[in-house]
Amino acid sequence: MNQAFIYTLSNPITNAIRYVGVTRFPEAREKSHLRLVNTKKGRWVQSLLTKGLRPSFDVIDSVPEDEWQFWEQHWIQVIKGWGFDLSNGDNGGLN
């Protein structure tokens, strides 16, 4: 069975989690977050890059690929519950 990976992007100085996502290919996804994108997350990443920093990319869970929507939503809610101000544009689970 194929796996999907739930990951976070964090501030490399404070370790505050700022984004939760899902991917089948962590290395490629990490690199894709470094491209200029005009979203809340993209502007945050760009603010780090202009300071010579990169967000920390951490895989926090490996889940069955056909269950990724549930687990992404779960982790977003858990991490928000811990008090982190996420830059996710939604509550996860969208294609």
C-alpha atoms as a PDB file:
ATOM      1  CA  MET A   1       0.000   0.000   0.000  1.00  0.00           C
ATOM      2  CA  ASN A   2       1.279   3.458  -0.876  1.00  0.00           C
ATOM      3  CA  GLN A   3       1.998   5.925   1.894  1.00  0.00           C
ATOM      4  CA  ALA A   4       1.396   9.653   2.228  1.00  0.00           C
ATOM      5  CA  PHE A   5       3.456  11.792   4.550  1.00  0.00           C
ATOM      6  CA  ILE A   6       2.091  14.500   6.825  1.00  0.00           C
ATOM      7  CA  TYR A   7       4.658  17.253   7.325  1.00  0.00           C
ATOM      8  CA  THR A   8       5.113  20.619   8.955  1.00  0.00           C
ATOM      9  CA  LEU A   9       6.931  23.791   8.041  1.00  0.00           C
ATOM     10  CA  SER A  10       8.331  25.608  11.060  1.00  0.00           C
ATOM     11  CA  ASN A  11      10.156  28.809  11.834  1.00  0.00           C
ATOM     12  CA  PRO A  12      13.841  27.796  12.004  1.00  0.00           C
ATOM     13  CA  ILE A  13      14.531  30.245  14.839  1.00  0.00           C
ATOM     14  CA  THR A  14      11.508  29.761  17.121  1.00  0.00           C
ATOM     15  CA  ASN A  15      10.495  26.247  15.995  1.00  0.00           C
ATOM     16  CA  ALA A  16       6.885  27.495  15.809  1.00  0.00           C
ATOM     17  CA  ILE A  17       4.898  25.341  13.385  1.00  0.00           C
ATOM     18  CA  ARG A  18       3.390  27.519  10.643  1.00  0.00           C
ATOM     19  CA  TYR A  19       2.021  25.024   8.105  1.00  0.00           C
ATOM     20  CA  VAL A  20       0.795  21.422   7.899  1.00  0.00           C
ATOM     21  CA  GLY A  21       0.689  19.573   4.587  1.00  0.00           C
ATOM     22  CA  VAL A  22       0.670  16.166   2.948  1.00  0.00           C
ATOM     23  CA  THR A  23       2.760  14.683   0.157  1.00  0.00           C
ATOM     24  CA  ARG A  24       3.847  11.403  -1.357  1.00  0.00           C
ATOM     25  CA  PHE A  25       7.262  12.846  -2.225  1.00  0.00           C
ATOM     26  CA  PRO A  26       8.735  14.769   0.747  1.00  0.00           C
ATOM     27  CA  GLU A  27      12.000  15.901  -0.877  1.00  0.00           C
ATOM     28  CA  ALA A  28      10.271  17.363  -3.937  1.00  0.00           C
ATOM     29  CA  ARG A  29       7.570  18.984  -1.816  1.00  0.00           C
ATOM     30  CA  GLU A  30      10.115  20.609   0.471  1.00  0.00           C
ATOM     31  CA  LYS A  31      11.810  22.214  -2.537  1.00  0.00           C
ATOM     32  CA  SER A  32       8.504  23.360  -4.020  1.00  0.00           C
ATOM     33  CA  HIS A  33       7.770  25.422  -0.906  1.00  0.00           C
ATOM     34  CA  LEU A  34      10.790  27.602  -1.706  1.00  0.00           C
ATOM     35  CA  ARG A  35       9.181  29.018  -4.880  1.00  0.00           C
ATOM     36  CA  LEU A  36       7.581  32.454  -4.847  1.00  0.00           C
ATOM     37  CA  VAL A  37       3.849  32.080  -4.200  1.00  0.00           C
ATOM     38  CA  ASN A  38       1.493  34.917  -3.221  1.00  0.00           C
ATOM     39  CA  THR A  39      -0.278  33.198  -0.317  1.00  0.00           C
ATOM     40  CA  LYS A  40      -0.003  33.672   3.433  1.00  0.00           C
ATOM     41  CA  LYS A  41       2.368  30.688   3.586  1.00  0.00           C
ATOM     42  CA  GLY A  42       4.297  31.822   0.527  1.00  0.00           C
ATOM     43  CA  ARG A  43       4.833  35.319   1.907  1.00  0.00           C
ATOM     44  CA  TRP A  44       6.038  33.842   5.200  1.00  0.00           C
ATOM     45  CA  VAL A  45       8.499  31.538   3.396  1.00  0.00           C
ATOM     46  CA  GLN A  46       9.753  34.445   1.285  1.00  0.00           C
ATOM     47  CA  SER A  47      10.288  36.541   4.420  1.00  0.00           C
ATOM     48  CA  LEU A  48      12.566  33.778   5.724  1.00  0.00           C
ATOM     49  CA  LEU A  49      14.421  33.414   2.438  1.00  0.00           C
ATOM     50  CA  THR A  50      15.190  37.148   2.300  1.00  0.00           C
ATOM     51  CA  LYS A  51      16.917  36.701   5.682  1.00  0.00           C
ATOM     52  CA  GLY A  52      18.963  33.768   4.388  1.00  0.00           C
ATOM     53  CA  LEU A  53      16.790  31.249   6.272  1.00  0.00           C
ATOM     54  CA  ARG A  54      14.638  28.317   5.200  1.00  0.00           C
ATOM     55  CA  PRO A  55      11.620  26.858   6.957  1.00  0.00           C
ATOM     56  CA  SER A  56      12.235  23.611   8.818  1.00  0.00           C
ATOM     57  CA  PHE A  57      10.523  20.726   7.000  1.00  0.00           C
ATOM     58  CA  ASP A  58       9.611  17.794   9.242  1.00  0.00           C
ATOM     59  CA  VAL A  59       7.637  14.652   8.412  1.00  0.00           C
ATOM     60  CA  ILE A  60       5.446  13.971  11.444  1.00  0.00           C
ATOM     61  CA  ASP A  61       3.387  10.991  10.267  1.00  0.00           C
ATOM     62  CA  SER A  62       3.179   8.330   7.562  1.00  0.00           C
ATOM     63  CA  VAL A  63      -0.364   7.275   6.680  1.00  0.00           C
ATOM     64  CA  PRO A  64      -2.091   5.054   4.105  1.00  0.00           C
ATOM     65  CA  GLU A  65      -2.436   7.081   0.913  1.00  0.00           C
ATOM     66  CA  ASP A  66      -6.200   6.514   0.744  1.00  0.00           C
ATOM     67  CA  GLU A  67      -6.617   8.068   4.224  1.00  0.00           C
ATOM     68  CA  TRP A  68      -4.524  11.233   3.732  1.00  0.00           C
ATOM     69  CA  GLN A  69      -7.498  13.644   3.863  1.00  0.00           C
ATOM     70  CA  PHE A  70      -8.556  12.460   7.308  1.00  0.00           C
ATOM     71  CA  TRP A  71      -5.021  12.569   8.712  1.00  0.00           C
ATOM     72  CA  GLU A  72      -4.166  15.980   7.265  1.00  0.00           C
ATOM     73  CA  GLN A  73      -7.331  17.439   8.806  1.00  0.00           C
ATOM     74  CA  HIS A  74      -6.573  15.648  12.081  1.00  0.00           C
ATOM     75  CA  TRP A  75      -3.048  17.035  12.343  1.00  0.00           C
ATOM     76  CA  ILE A  76      -4.126  20.565  11.417  1.00  0.00           C
ATOM     77  CA  GLN A  77      -6.701  20.511  14.202  1.00  0.00           C
ATOM     78  CA  VAL A  78      -4.250  18.996  16.716  1.00  0.00           C
ATOM     79  CA  ILE A  79      -1.541  21.548  15.961  1.00  0.00           C
ATOM     80  CA  LYS A  80      -4.015  24.455  16.027  1.00  0.00           C
ATOM     81  CA  GLY A  81      -5.193  23.078  19.376  1.00  0.00           C
ATOM     82  CA  TRP A  82      -1.635  23.347  20.633  1.00  0.00           C
ATOM     83  CA  GLY A  83      -1.880  27.080  19.928  1.00  0.00           C
ATOM     84  CA  PHE A  84       0.134  27.408  16.725  1.00  0.00           C
ATOM     85  CA  ASP A  85      -0.911  30.113  14.238  1.00  0.00           C
ATOM     86  CA  LEU A  86      -0.946  28.116  11.003  1.00  0.00           C
ATOM     87  CA  SER A  87      -0.790  29.739   7.587  1.00  0.00           C
ATOM     88  CA  ASN A  88      -2.875  26.969   5.996  1.00  0.00           C
ATOM     89  CA  GLY A  89      -5.567  28.467   3.772  1.00  0.00           C
ATOM     90  CA  ASP A  90      -8.106  25.805   4.804  1.00  0.00           C
ATOM     91  CA  ASN A  91      -8.622  22.946   7.253  1.00  0.00           C
ATOM     92  CA  GLY A  92      -6.990  20.349   4.981  1.00  0.00           C
ATOM     93  CA  GLY A  93      -8.263  17.311   3.162  1.00  0.00           C
ATOM     94  CA  LEU A  94      -8.782  19.101  -0.154  1.00  0.00           C
ATOM     95  CA  ASN A  95      -7.463  17.794  -3.467  1.00  0.00           C
END
